[in-house]
């Protein structure tokens, strides 16, 4: 949790760390042109002191359970909570979970952690799908591309191609804007995914 108490008044925002050790942590932050905190964050310089509290771990135990298929849907910085989860699953030599990431972006320039995603896609059990309207630039050859907005028909096609008709051993998780999260929860529910296996992470 980041807190800014400068410039007359306190503002705080939760951010998801992608890496936490005893000596440092890593947090992706997107700067918005009219964001209340963005105008302060973009002025940070090396050596500045800022106020943080945490980390507070989300309950991701279900995502690390033994199941056959994990469908992740992320938008923008909503990719952050999945970084640690996928990294830990890939380090587990006994894990055989198939992972499919649908990453929704407006353009190729919005793809965060591209090198990390390429590394994931090199694993036999991970597929990275970049989803968006008007994707024109060349993507890494390991990525799949969907030139469309993530509507219900696109989601259902991705889910069926990935997990088939039997969804009892499939988990769906989403993180991004509130509208994306709401849509994906509804799409997954109507597609037959057990509601207890649909997980929303706060962006």
N, C-alpha and C. Protein backbone atom coordinates (compact mmCIF):
# COMPACT_ATOMS: atom_id res chain seq x y z
N UNK A 1 0.85 -1.18 0.00
CA UNK A 1 0.00 0.00 0.00
C UNK A 1 0.89 1.23 0.00
N UNK A 2 0.75 2.06 -1.04
CA UNK A 2 1.54 3.29 -1.14
C UNK A 2 0.74 4.45 -0.58
N UNK A 3 1.41 5.31 0.18
CA UNK A 3 0.75 6.48 0.77
C UNK A 3 1.55 7.72 0.42
N UNK A 4 0.84 8.72 -0.06
CA UNK A 4 1.47 10.00 -0.38
C UNK A 4 0.84 11.07 0.50
N UNK A 5 1.64 11.70 1.33
CA UNK A 5 1.12 12.70 2.27
C UNK A 5 1.65 14.09 1.96
N UNK A 6 2.20 14.27 0.77
CA UNK A 6 2.73 15.58 0.40
C UNK A 6 1.67 16.40 -0.32
N UNK A 7 1.96 17.61 -0.56
CA UNK A 7 1.09 18.52 -1.33
C UNK A 7 -0.30 18.64 -0.71
N UNK A 8 -0.34 18.71 0.61
CA UNK A 8 -1.59 19.00 1.30
C UNK A 8 -2.65 17.92 1.20
N UNK A 9 -2.55 16.91 2.00
CA UNK A 9 -3.54 15.83 2.00
C UNK A 9 -2.91 14.49 1.70
N UNK A 10 -3.50 13.45 2.29
CA UNK A 10 -2.95 12.10 2.12
C UNK A 10 -3.77 11.32 1.11
N UNK A 11 -3.07 10.64 0.21
CA UNK A 11 -3.69 9.74 -0.76
C UNK A 11 -3.00 8.39 -0.66
N UNK A 12 -3.76 7.32 -0.80
CA UNK A 12 -3.14 5.99 -0.77
C UNK A 12 -3.73 5.14 -1.88
N UNK A 13 -2.92 4.21 -2.38
CA UNK A 13 -3.35 3.29 -3.42
C UNK A 13 -2.70 1.93 -3.18
N UNK A 14 -3.46 0.84 -3.39
CA UNK A 14 -2.85 -0.49 -3.32
C UNK A 14 -2.19 -0.85 -4.64
N UNK A 15 -1.01 -1.44 -4.58
CA UNK A 15 -0.32 -1.93 -5.77
C UNK A 15 0.13 -3.36 -5.50
N UNK A 16 0.16 -4.16 -6.54
CA UNK A 16 0.53 -5.57 -6.39
C UNK A 16 2.00 -5.77 -6.69
N UNK A 17 2.78 -6.27 -5.73
CA UNK A 17 4.19 -6.55 -6.01
C UNK A 17 4.34 -7.78 -6.89
N UNK A 18 5.29 -7.72 -7.81
CA UNK A 18 5.59 -8.88 -8.64
C UNK A 18 6.75 -9.68 -8.08
N UNK A 19 7.48 -9.09 -7.16
CA UNK A 19 8.61 -9.77 -6.52
C UNK A 19 8.81 -9.18 -5.14
N UNK A 20 8.97 -10.04 -4.14
CA UNK A 20 9.22 -9.60 -2.77
C UNK A 20 10.33 -10.46 -2.17
N UNK A 21 11.39 -9.82 -1.70
CA UNK A 21 12.46 -10.53 -1.00
C UNK A 21 12.69 -9.84 0.34
N UNK A 22 13.69 -10.28 1.07
CA UNK A 22 13.99 -9.66 2.36
C UNK A 22 14.60 -8.27 2.20
N UNK A 23 15.13 -7.98 1.03
CA UNK A 23 15.85 -6.71 0.85
C UNK A 23 15.18 -5.74 -0.12
N UNK A 24 14.25 -6.21 -0.94
CA UNK A 24 13.60 -5.28 -1.87
C UNK A 24 12.27 -5.86 -2.35
N UNK A 25 11.47 -4.99 -2.95
CA UNK A 25 10.26 -5.46 -3.62
C UNK A 25 10.09 -4.69 -4.92
N UNK A 26 9.35 -5.28 -5.85
CA UNK A 26 9.16 -4.72 -7.18
C UNK A 26 7.66 -4.52 -7.42
N UNK A 27 7.30 -3.31 -7.83
CA UNK A 27 5.89 -2.98 -8.05
C UNK A 27 5.73 -2.28 -9.40
N UNK A 28 4.91 -2.80 -10.30
CA UNK A 28 4.64 -2.07 -11.56
C UNK A 28 3.59 -1.00 -11.32
N UNK A 29 3.86 0.20 -11.79
CA UNK A 29 2.93 1.32 -11.62
C UNK A 29 2.72 1.98 -12.98
N UNK A 30 1.47 2.11 -13.37
CA UNK A 30 1.15 2.79 -14.62
C UNK A 30 0.85 4.25 -14.33
N UNK A 31 1.47 5.14 -15.11
CA UNK A 31 1.27 6.57 -14.93
C UNK A 31 0.12 7.03 -15.81
N UNK A 32 -0.87 7.67 -15.19
CA UNK A 32 -2.00 8.22 -15.93
C UNK A 32 -1.86 9.74 -16.02
N UNK A 33 -2.20 10.29 -17.15
CA UNK A 33 -1.98 11.71 -17.39
C UNK A 33 -2.70 12.58 -16.36
N UNK A 34 -3.92 12.20 -15.98
CA UNK A 34 -4.70 12.99 -15.04
C UNK A 34 -4.82 12.32 -13.68
N UNK A 35 -3.97 11.34 -13.41
CA UNK A 35 -4.05 10.62 -12.14
C UNK A 35 -3.61 11.47 -10.96
N UNK A 36 -4.34 11.37 -9.85
CA UNK A 36 -4.02 12.18 -8.67
C UNK A 36 -2.64 11.84 -8.12
N UNK A 37 -2.30 10.56 -8.11
CA UNK A 37 -0.99 10.16 -7.61
C UNK A 37 0.07 10.15 -8.70
N UNK A 38 -0.34 9.97 -9.93
CA UNK A 38 0.63 9.86 -11.03
C UNK A 38 1.52 11.09 -11.13
N UNK A 39 0.94 12.26 -10.93
CA UNK A 39 1.75 13.47 -11.08
C UNK A 39 2.82 13.58 -10.01
N UNK A 40 2.61 12.91 -8.86
CA UNK A 40 3.64 12.88 -7.82
C UNK A 40 4.65 11.76 -8.10
N UNK A 41 4.14 10.59 -8.51
CA UNK A 41 5.02 9.45 -8.74
C UNK A 41 5.99 9.72 -9.89
N UNK A 42 5.53 10.40 -10.92
CA UNK A 42 6.40 10.63 -12.07
C UNK A 42 7.55 11.59 -11.76
N UNK A 43 7.47 12.26 -10.61
CA UNK A 43 8.55 13.16 -10.20
C UNK A 43 9.56 12.47 -9.28
N UNK A 44 9.34 11.18 -8.97
CA UNK A 44 10.29 10.48 -8.10
C UNK A 44 11.68 10.47 -8.73
N UNK A 45 12.66 10.56 -7.86
CA UNK A 45 14.06 10.45 -8.29
C UNK A 45 14.75 9.41 -7.42
N UNK A 46 15.80 8.82 -7.94
CA UNK A 46 16.58 7.86 -7.16
C UNK A 46 17.08 8.55 -5.89
N UNK A 47 16.85 7.91 -4.76
CA UNK A 47 17.24 8.49 -3.48
C UNK A 47 16.07 9.07 -2.70
N UNK A 48 14.92 9.27 -3.36
CA UNK A 48 13.74 9.78 -2.66
C UNK A 48 13.21 8.72 -1.70
N UNK A 49 12.59 9.16 -0.62
CA UNK A 49 11.94 8.26 0.33
C UNK A 49 10.43 8.36 0.15
N UNK A 50 9.78 7.21 0.06
CA UNK A 50 8.32 7.17 -0.08
C UNK A 50 7.76 6.18 0.93
N UNK A 51 6.48 6.33 1.25
CA UNK A 51 5.86 5.54 2.30
C UNK A 51 5.12 4.33 1.72
N UNK A 52 5.48 3.15 2.22
CA UNK A 52 4.82 1.91 1.81
C UNK A 52 4.47 1.10 3.04
N UNK A 53 3.43 0.31 2.92
CA UNK A 53 3.06 -0.64 3.97
C UNK A 53 2.69 -1.96 3.29
N UNK A 54 3.02 -3.06 3.97
CA UNK A 54 2.69 -4.37 3.39
C UNK A 54 3.94 -5.22 3.25
N UNK A 55 3.95 -6.22 2.40
CA UNK A 55 2.86 -6.57 1.47
C UNK A 55 1.74 -7.35 2.14
N UNK A 56 0.56 -7.23 1.56
CA UNK A 56 -0.59 -8.00 1.99
C UNK A 56 -0.86 -9.05 0.92
N UNK A 57 -0.75 -10.29 1.27
CA UNK A 57 -0.90 -11.36 0.27
C UNK A 57 -2.37 -11.67 0.03
N UNK A 58 -2.74 -11.72 -1.24
CA UNK A 58 -4.07 -12.19 -1.60
C UNK A 58 -4.11 -13.71 -1.43
N UNK A 59 -5.31 -14.22 -1.22
CA UNK A 59 -5.45 -15.67 -1.08
C UNK A 59 -5.39 -16.30 -2.47
N UNK A 60 -4.21 -16.79 -2.82
CA UNK A 60 -4.04 -17.42 -4.14
C UNK A 60 -3.85 -18.92 -4.01
N UNK A 61 -4.28 -19.48 -2.87
CA UNK A 61 -4.06 -20.91 -2.63
C UNK A 61 -4.75 -21.77 -3.67
N UNK A 62 -5.94 -21.35 -4.13
CA UNK A 62 -6.65 -22.15 -5.13
C UNK A 62 -5.87 -22.22 -6.43
N UNK A 63 -5.21 -21.12 -6.78
CA UNK A 63 -4.46 -21.09 -8.03
C UNK A 63 -3.25 -22.01 -8.00
N UNK A 64 -2.81 -22.37 -6.79
CA UNK A 64 -1.65 -23.23 -6.67
C UNK A 64 -2.04 -24.67 -6.34
N UNK A 65 -3.34 -24.94 -6.36
CA UNK A 65 -3.82 -26.28 -6.08
C UNK A 65 -3.58 -27.18 -7.30
N UNK A 66 -3.86 -28.45 -7.12
CA UNK A 66 -3.69 -29.40 -8.21
C UNK A 66 -4.95 -29.42 -9.08
N UNK A 67 -4.87 -28.86 -10.26
CA UNK A 67 -5.96 -28.88 -11.21
C UNK A 67 -5.34 -28.89 -12.60
N UNK A 68 -6.14 -29.15 -13.61
CA UNK A 68 -5.55 -29.38 -14.93
C UNK A 68 -5.37 -28.10 -15.75
N UNK A 69 -6.28 -27.14 -15.63
CA UNK A 69 -6.24 -25.97 -16.49
C UNK A 69 -6.43 -24.68 -15.68
N UNK A 70 -5.59 -23.70 -15.96
CA UNK A 70 -5.67 -22.38 -15.33
C UNK A 70 -5.74 -21.33 -16.43
N UNK A 71 -6.89 -20.68 -16.55
CA UNK A 71 -7.06 -19.62 -17.55
C UNK A 71 -6.96 -18.28 -16.84
N UNK A 72 -5.96 -17.49 -17.21
CA UNK A 72 -5.74 -16.18 -16.62
C UNK A 72 -6.12 -15.11 -17.63
N UNK A 73 -6.86 -14.10 -17.17
CA UNK A 73 -7.22 -12.97 -18.03
C UNK A 73 -6.73 -11.70 -17.34
N UNK A 74 -5.88 -10.95 -18.02
CA UNK A 74 -5.30 -9.74 -17.42
C UNK A 74 -5.46 -8.56 -18.37
N UNK A 75 -5.61 -7.39 -17.77
CA UNK A 75 -5.64 -6.16 -18.55
C UNK A 75 -4.65 -5.17 -17.97
N UNK A 76 -3.72 -4.68 -18.78
CA UNK A 76 -2.75 -3.69 -18.30
C UNK A 76 -1.91 -4.19 -17.15
N UNK A 77 -1.86 -3.39 -16.07
CA UNK A 77 -1.09 -3.78 -14.89
C UNK A 77 -1.77 -4.89 -14.10
N UNK A 78 -2.95 -5.31 -14.55
CA UNK A 78 -3.60 -6.46 -13.93
C UNK A 78 -2.82 -7.75 -14.12
N UNK A 79 -1.77 -7.67 -14.92
CA UNK A 79 -0.87 -8.83 -15.07
C UNK A 79 -0.08 -9.09 -13.79
N UNK A 80 0.10 -8.06 -12.97
CA UNK A 80 1.01 -8.13 -11.82
C UNK A 80 0.78 -9.30 -10.88
N UNK A 81 -0.44 -9.56 -10.39
CA UNK A 81 -0.59 -10.67 -9.43
C UNK A 81 -0.31 -12.04 -10.02
N UNK A 82 -0.37 -12.15 -11.35
CA UNK A 82 -0.13 -13.45 -11.99
C UNK A 82 1.35 -13.75 -12.18
N UNK A 83 2.19 -12.72 -12.10
CA UNK A 83 3.63 -12.92 -12.29
C UNK A 83 4.16 -13.93 -11.27
N UNK A 84 3.91 -13.65 -10.01
CA UNK A 84 4.42 -14.51 -8.94
C UNK A 84 3.78 -15.90 -9.01
N UNK A 85 2.49 -15.95 -9.30
CA UNK A 85 1.78 -17.23 -9.33
C UNK A 85 2.33 -18.14 -10.42
N UNK A 86 2.47 -17.61 -11.63
CA UNK A 86 2.98 -18.43 -12.73
C UNK A 86 4.43 -18.81 -12.49
N UNK A 87 5.23 -17.86 -12.01
CA UNK A 87 6.64 -18.18 -11.72
C UNK A 87 6.75 -19.34 -10.75
N UNK A 88 5.92 -19.33 -9.70
CA UNK A 88 5.99 -20.39 -8.69
C UNK A 88 5.50 -21.73 -9.26
N UNK A 89 4.48 -21.70 -10.09
CA UNK A 89 4.01 -22.94 -10.71
C UNK A 89 5.07 -23.53 -11.63
N UNK A 90 5.78 -22.67 -12.35
CA UNK A 90 6.80 -23.16 -13.28
C UNK A 90 8.03 -23.69 -12.55
N UNK A 91 8.23 -23.25 -11.33
CA UNK A 91 9.36 -23.76 -10.54
C UNK A 91 9.06 -25.13 -9.93
N UNK A 92 7.78 -25.49 -9.89
CA UNK A 92 7.35 -26.75 -9.29
C UNK A 92 7.46 -27.86 -10.34
N UNK A 93 8.45 -28.71 -10.19
CA UNK A 93 8.68 -29.77 -11.17
C UNK A 93 7.54 -30.78 -11.24
N UNK A 94 6.72 -30.83 -10.18
CA UNK A 94 5.63 -31.80 -10.15
C UNK A 94 4.33 -31.22 -10.70
N UNK A 95 4.29 -29.91 -10.91
CA UNK A 95 3.07 -29.27 -11.40
C UNK A 95 2.88 -29.56 -12.89
N UNK A 96 1.69 -30.01 -13.24
CA UNK A 96 1.37 -30.28 -14.64
C UNK A 96 0.20 -29.43 -15.12
N UNK A 97 -0.08 -28.38 -14.39
CA UNK A 97 -1.18 -27.48 -14.76
C UNK A 97 -0.87 -26.79 -16.09
N UNK A 98 -1.83 -26.82 -16.98
CA UNK A 98 -1.70 -26.07 -18.23
C UNK A 98 -2.21 -24.65 -17.98
N UNK A 99 -1.44 -23.67 -18.43
CA UNK A 99 -1.75 -22.27 -18.17
C UNK A 99 -1.96 -21.54 -19.49
N UNK A 100 -3.04 -20.80 -19.57
CA UNK A 100 -3.29 -19.96 -20.75
C UNK A 100 -3.56 -18.54 -20.26
N UNK A 101 -2.72 -17.61 -20.69
CA UNK A 101 -2.88 -16.20 -20.32
C UNK A 101 -3.46 -15.43 -21.49
N UNK A 102 -4.60 -14.79 -21.28
CA UNK A 102 -5.17 -13.86 -22.25
C UNK A 102 -4.86 -12.46 -21.73
N UNK A 103 -3.98 -11.77 -22.42
CA UNK A 103 -3.53 -10.45 -21.97
C UNK A 103 -4.15 -9.39 -22.88
N UNK A 104 -5.05 -8.60 -22.32
CA UNK A 104 -5.80 -7.60 -23.09
C UNK A 104 -5.06 -6.27 -23.07
N UNK A 105 -4.70 -5.78 -24.24
CA UNK A 105 -3.96 -4.51 -24.35
C UNK A 105 -4.55 -3.68 -25.48
N UNK A 106 -4.26 -2.39 -25.45
CA UNK A 106 -4.71 -1.50 -26.53
C UNK A 106 -3.74 -1.50 -27.70
N UNK A 107 -2.48 -1.71 -27.40
CA UNK A 107 -1.47 -1.75 -28.46
C UNK A 107 -0.29 -2.59 -27.98
N UNK A 108 0.60 -2.92 -28.90
CA UNK A 108 1.77 -3.70 -28.54
C UNK A 108 2.63 -2.98 -27.52
N UNK A 109 2.62 -1.64 -27.54
CA UNK A 109 3.43 -0.86 -26.61
C UNK A 109 2.96 -1.01 -25.17
N UNK A 110 1.73 -1.48 -24.98
CA UNK A 110 1.17 -1.63 -23.64
C UNK A 110 1.51 -2.98 -23.01
N UNK A 111 2.21 -3.84 -23.72
CA UNK A 111 2.55 -5.16 -23.18
C UNK A 111 3.66 -5.00 -22.13
N UNK A 112 3.34 -5.31 -20.90
CA UNK A 112 4.30 -5.22 -19.81
C UNK A 112 5.02 -6.57 -19.64
N UNK A 113 6.22 -6.52 -19.09
CA UNK A 113 6.98 -7.74 -18.79
C UNK A 113 7.09 -8.65 -20.02
N UNK A 114 7.35 -8.07 -21.17
CA UNK A 114 7.36 -8.85 -22.41
C UNK A 114 8.40 -9.97 -22.35
N UNK A 115 9.59 -9.68 -21.84
CA UNK A 115 10.62 -10.72 -21.76
C UNK A 115 10.18 -11.86 -20.86
N UNK A 116 9.48 -11.53 -19.76
CA UNK A 116 8.99 -12.55 -18.85
C UNK A 116 7.94 -13.41 -19.56
N UNK A 117 7.07 -12.79 -20.31
CA UNK A 117 6.04 -13.54 -21.02
C UNK A 117 6.65 -14.46 -22.07
N UNK A 118 7.69 -13.99 -22.73
CA UNK A 118 8.39 -14.84 -23.71
C UNK A 118 8.98 -16.06 -23.02
N UNK A 119 9.58 -15.85 -21.86
CA UNK A 119 10.14 -16.98 -21.10
C UNK A 119 9.05 -17.97 -20.72
N UNK A 120 7.90 -17.46 -20.27
CA UNK A 120 6.79 -18.36 -19.94
C UNK A 120 6.39 -19.19 -21.15
N UNK A 121 6.26 -18.53 -22.29
CA UNK A 121 5.75 -19.20 -23.50
C UNK A 121 6.69 -20.29 -24.00
N UNK A 122 7.91 -20.30 -23.53
CA UNK A 122 8.86 -21.35 -23.91
C UNK A 122 8.56 -22.66 -23.20
N UNK A 123 7.74 -22.62 -22.16
CA UNK A 123 7.38 -23.84 -21.42
C UNK A 123 6.25 -24.57 -22.14
N UNK A 124 6.28 -25.87 -22.07
CA UNK A 124 5.31 -26.70 -22.78
C UNK A 124 3.88 -26.46 -22.31
N UNK A 125 3.73 -26.02 -21.07
CA UNK A 125 2.38 -25.92 -20.49
C UNK A 125 1.86 -24.49 -20.40
N UNK A 126 2.50 -23.53 -21.05
CA UNK A 126 2.06 -22.14 -20.99
C UNK A 126 1.82 -21.59 -22.39
N UNK A 127 0.67 -20.96 -22.57
CA UNK A 127 0.35 -20.26 -23.81
C UNK A 127 0.02 -18.81 -23.48
N UNK A 128 0.61 -17.89 -24.22
CA UNK A 128 0.36 -16.45 -24.03
C UNK A 128 -0.41 -15.94 -25.24
N UNK A 129 -1.58 -15.38 -24.98
CA UNK A 129 -2.44 -14.84 -26.04
C UNK A 129 -2.56 -13.33 -25.83
N UNK A 130 -2.17 -12.55 -26.84
CA UNK A 130 -2.31 -11.10 -26.78
C UNK A 130 -3.61 -10.74 -27.49
N UNK A 131 -4.49 -10.05 -26.78
CA UNK A 131 -5.83 -9.78 -27.28
C UNK A 131 -6.08 -8.27 -27.35
N UNK A 132 -6.49 -7.78 -28.52
CA UNK A 132 -6.79 -6.37 -28.64
C UNK A 132 -7.19 -6.00 -30.06
N UNK A 133 -7.83 -4.85 -30.19
CA UNK A 133 -8.27 -4.38 -31.50
C UNK A 133 -7.14 -3.61 -32.17
N UNK A 134 -6.87 -3.93 -33.42
CA UNK A 134 -5.88 -3.17 -34.17
C UNK A 134 -4.44 -3.48 -33.83
N UNK A 135 -4.15 -4.71 -33.41
CA UNK A 135 -2.76 -5.10 -33.15
C UNK A 135 -2.06 -5.29 -34.48
N UNK A 136 -1.12 -4.43 -34.78
CA UNK A 136 -0.49 -4.45 -36.10
C UNK A 136 0.99 -4.82 -36.06
N UNK A 137 1.69 -4.41 -35.02
CA UNK A 137 3.13 -4.67 -34.96
C UNK A 137 3.39 -6.16 -34.78
N UNK A 138 4.58 -6.56 -35.15
CA UNK A 138 4.97 -7.97 -35.02
C UNK A 138 5.14 -8.32 -33.55
N UNK A 139 4.61 -9.46 -33.17
CA UNK A 139 4.73 -9.95 -31.81
C UNK A 139 5.76 -11.08 -31.77
N UNK A 140 6.33 -11.36 -30.59
CA UNK A 140 7.21 -12.52 -30.48
C UNK A 140 6.52 -13.77 -31.03
N UNK A 141 7.26 -14.59 -31.76
CA UNK A 141 6.65 -15.71 -32.47
C UNK A 141 5.97 -16.71 -31.55
N UNK A 142 6.34 -16.71 -30.27
CA UNK A 142 5.76 -17.64 -29.32
C UNK A 142 4.37 -17.20 -28.86
N UNK A 143 4.00 -15.95 -29.12
CA UNK A 143 2.71 -15.44 -28.69
C UNK A 143 1.63 -15.76 -29.72
N UNK A 144 0.43 -16.02 -29.22
CA UNK A 144 -0.74 -16.08 -30.09
C UNK A 144 -1.40 -14.71 -30.09
N UNK A 145 -2.16 -14.42 -31.13
CA UNK A 145 -2.76 -13.10 -31.29
C UNK A 145 -4.26 -13.23 -31.58
N UNK A 146 -5.05 -12.39 -30.90
CA UNK A 146 -6.47 -12.28 -31.19
C UNK A 146 -6.76 -10.82 -31.49
N UNK A 147 -7.03 -10.51 -32.75
CA UNK A 147 -7.31 -9.13 -33.14
C UNK A 147 -8.79 -8.81 -32.92
N UNK A 148 -9.17 -8.74 -31.67
CA UNK A 148 -10.56 -8.45 -31.32
C UNK A 148 -10.62 -8.08 -29.85
N UNK A 149 -11.66 -7.38 -29.51
CA UNK A 149 -11.92 -7.11 -28.10
C UNK A 149 -12.36 -8.41 -27.43
N UNK A 150 -12.07 -8.54 -26.14
CA UNK A 150 -12.45 -9.77 -25.44
C UNK A 150 -13.95 -9.72 -25.13
N UNK A 151 -14.74 -10.15 -26.08
CA UNK A 151 -16.18 -10.26 -25.89
C UNK A 151 -16.50 -11.69 -25.45
N UNK A 152 -17.77 -11.98 -25.25
CA UNK A 152 -18.13 -13.30 -24.74
C UNK A 152 -17.81 -14.41 -25.73
N UNK A 153 -18.04 -14.18 -27.01
CA UNK A 153 -17.76 -15.22 -28.00
C UNK A 153 -16.27 -15.53 -28.08
N UNK A 154 -15.43 -14.49 -27.98
CA UNK A 154 -13.98 -14.70 -27.99
C UNK A 154 -13.56 -15.48 -26.75
N UNK A 155 -14.10 -15.09 -25.58
CA UNK A 155 -13.76 -15.79 -24.34
C UNK A 155 -14.16 -17.26 -24.43
N UNK A 156 -15.37 -17.53 -24.87
CA UNK A 156 -15.84 -18.92 -24.95
C UNK A 156 -15.00 -19.74 -25.92
N UNK A 157 -14.61 -19.13 -27.02
CA UNK A 157 -13.77 -19.85 -27.99
C UNK A 157 -12.41 -20.18 -27.38
N UNK A 158 -11.84 -19.23 -26.65
CA UNK A 158 -10.55 -19.47 -26.00
C UNK A 158 -10.68 -20.55 -24.93
N UNK A 159 -11.73 -20.48 -24.13
CA UNK A 159 -11.92 -21.44 -23.05
C UNK A 159 -12.13 -22.84 -23.61
N UNK A 160 -12.96 -22.97 -24.63
CA UNK A 160 -13.24 -24.28 -25.21
C UNK A 160 -12.00 -24.88 -25.87
N UNK A 161 -11.27 -24.05 -26.61
CA UNK A 161 -10.05 -24.55 -27.27
C UNK A 161 -9.01 -24.97 -26.25
N UNK A 162 -9.03 -24.33 -25.10
CA UNK A 162 -8.03 -24.59 -24.06
C UNK A 162 -8.41 -25.78 -23.19
N UNK A 163 -9.61 -25.75 -22.64
CA UNK A 163 -9.99 -26.74 -21.63
C UNK A 163 -10.98 -27.78 -22.12
N UNK A 164 -11.57 -27.57 -23.30
CA UNK A 164 -12.55 -28.52 -23.79
C UNK A 164 -13.90 -28.33 -23.12
N UNK A 165 -14.73 -29.35 -23.18
CA UNK A 165 -16.09 -29.25 -22.66
C UNK A 165 -16.18 -29.54 -21.17
N UNK A 166 -15.25 -30.31 -20.64
CA UNK A 166 -15.28 -30.69 -19.23
C UNK A 166 -14.50 -29.65 -18.43
N UNK A 167 -15.23 -28.80 -17.69
CA UNK A 167 -14.60 -27.68 -16.99
C UNK A 167 -14.48 -27.91 -15.48
N UNK A 168 -14.73 -29.14 -15.02
CA UNK A 168 -14.73 -29.37 -13.58
C UNK A 168 -13.35 -29.18 -12.96
N UNK A 169 -12.30 -29.28 -13.77
CA UNK A 169 -10.94 -29.14 -13.25
C UNK A 169 -10.26 -27.89 -13.82
N UNK A 170 -11.09 -26.87 -14.11
CA UNK A 170 -10.59 -25.62 -14.69
C UNK A 170 -10.83 -24.46 -13.74
N UNK A 171 -9.82 -23.62 -13.57
CA UNK A 171 -9.92 -22.40 -12.77
C UNK A 171 -9.72 -21.20 -13.68
N UNK A 172 -10.55 -20.18 -13.50
CA UNK A 172 -10.44 -18.93 -14.25
C UNK A 172 -10.15 -17.81 -13.27
N UNK A 173 -9.15 -17.00 -13.58
CA UNK A 173 -8.82 -15.86 -12.73
C UNK A 173 -8.65 -14.62 -13.59
N UNK A 174 -9.09 -13.47 -13.08
CA UNK A 174 -9.04 -12.23 -13.85
C UNK A 174 -8.57 -11.09 -12.97
N UNK A 175 -7.82 -10.18 -13.59
CA UNK A 175 -7.39 -8.96 -12.90
C UNK A 175 -7.25 -7.85 -13.93
N UNK A 176 -7.86 -6.72 -13.66
CA UNK A 176 -7.80 -5.59 -14.58
C UNK A 176 -8.82 -4.55 -14.18
N UNK A 177 -9.28 -3.79 -15.14
CA UNK A 177 -10.32 -2.81 -14.87
C UNK A 177 -11.59 -3.51 -14.39
N UNK A 178 -12.40 -2.77 -13.61
CA UNK A 178 -13.62 -3.35 -13.04
C UNK A 178 -14.54 -3.91 -14.11
N UNK A 179 -14.63 -3.24 -15.25
CA UNK A 179 -15.51 -3.72 -16.32
C UNK A 179 -15.01 -5.05 -16.90
N UNK A 180 -13.69 -5.17 -17.06
CA UNK A 180 -13.12 -6.43 -17.55
C UNK A 180 -13.38 -7.55 -16.57
N UNK A 181 -13.16 -7.29 -15.29
CA UNK A 181 -13.35 -8.32 -14.28
C UNK A 181 -14.81 -8.78 -14.25
N UNK A 182 -15.73 -7.83 -14.27
CA UNK A 182 -17.16 -8.17 -14.25
C UNK A 182 -17.54 -9.00 -15.47
N UNK A 183 -17.06 -8.58 -16.63
CA UNK A 183 -17.38 -9.30 -17.87
C UNK A 183 -16.86 -10.73 -17.83
N UNK A 184 -15.60 -10.90 -17.43
CA UNK A 184 -15.00 -12.24 -17.43
C UNK A 184 -15.70 -13.16 -16.44
N UNK A 185 -16.05 -12.64 -15.27
CA UNK A 185 -16.79 -13.46 -14.30
C UNK A 185 -18.12 -13.91 -14.91
N UNK A 186 -18.81 -13.01 -15.56
CA UNK A 186 -20.09 -13.38 -16.20
C UNK A 186 -19.89 -14.36 -17.34
N UNK A 187 -18.87 -14.12 -18.17
CA UNK A 187 -18.60 -15.03 -19.29
C UNK A 187 -18.29 -16.44 -18.78
N UNK A 188 -17.43 -16.52 -17.77
CA UNK A 188 -17.02 -17.82 -17.24
C UNK A 188 -18.20 -18.55 -16.60
N UNK A 189 -19.02 -17.81 -15.87
CA UNK A 189 -20.18 -18.42 -15.23
C UNK A 189 -21.14 -18.99 -16.26
N UNK A 190 -21.43 -18.20 -17.29
CA UNK A 190 -22.35 -18.67 -18.34
C UNK A 190 -21.75 -19.79 -19.18
N UNK A 191 -20.43 -19.90 -19.17
CA UNK A 191 -19.77 -20.97 -19.92
C UNK A 191 -19.75 -22.28 -19.16
N UNK A 192 -20.13 -22.23 -17.88
CA UNK A 192 -20.21 -23.45 -17.10
C UNK A 192 -19.10 -23.66 -16.09
N UNK A 193 -18.24 -22.65 -15.88
CA UNK A 193 -17.19 -22.77 -14.87
C UNK A 193 -17.82 -22.62 -13.49
N UNK A 194 -17.47 -23.51 -12.58
CA UNK A 194 -17.97 -23.44 -11.21
C UNK A 194 -17.63 -22.09 -10.61
N UNK A 195 -18.63 -21.44 -10.00
CA UNK A 195 -18.42 -20.10 -9.46
C UNK A 195 -17.31 -20.07 -8.41
N UNK A 196 -17.12 -21.16 -7.69
CA UNK A 196 -16.07 -21.21 -6.67
C UNK A 196 -14.68 -21.26 -7.28
N UNK A 197 -14.62 -21.50 -8.61
CA UNK A 197 -13.33 -21.58 -9.30
C UNK A 197 -13.11 -20.38 -10.23
N UNK A 198 -13.82 -19.29 -9.95
CA UNK A 198 -13.63 -18.03 -10.67
C UNK A 198 -13.11 -17.01 -9.66
N UNK A 199 -11.91 -16.51 -9.89
CA UNK A 199 -11.24 -15.67 -8.90
C UNK A 199 -10.94 -14.30 -9.47
N UNK A 200 -11.34 -13.27 -8.74
CA UNK A 200 -11.01 -11.89 -9.11
C UNK A 200 -9.91 -11.38 -8.21
N UNK A 201 -8.89 -10.81 -8.81
CA UNK A 201 -7.83 -10.15 -8.05
C UNK A 201 -8.01 -8.65 -8.21
N UNK A 202 -7.88 -7.87 -7.13
CA UNK A 202 -7.95 -6.42 -7.27
C UNK A 202 -6.76 -5.89 -8.06
N UNK A 203 -7.02 -5.01 -9.01
CA UNK A 203 -5.95 -4.44 -9.84
C UNK A 203 -5.19 -3.39 -9.06
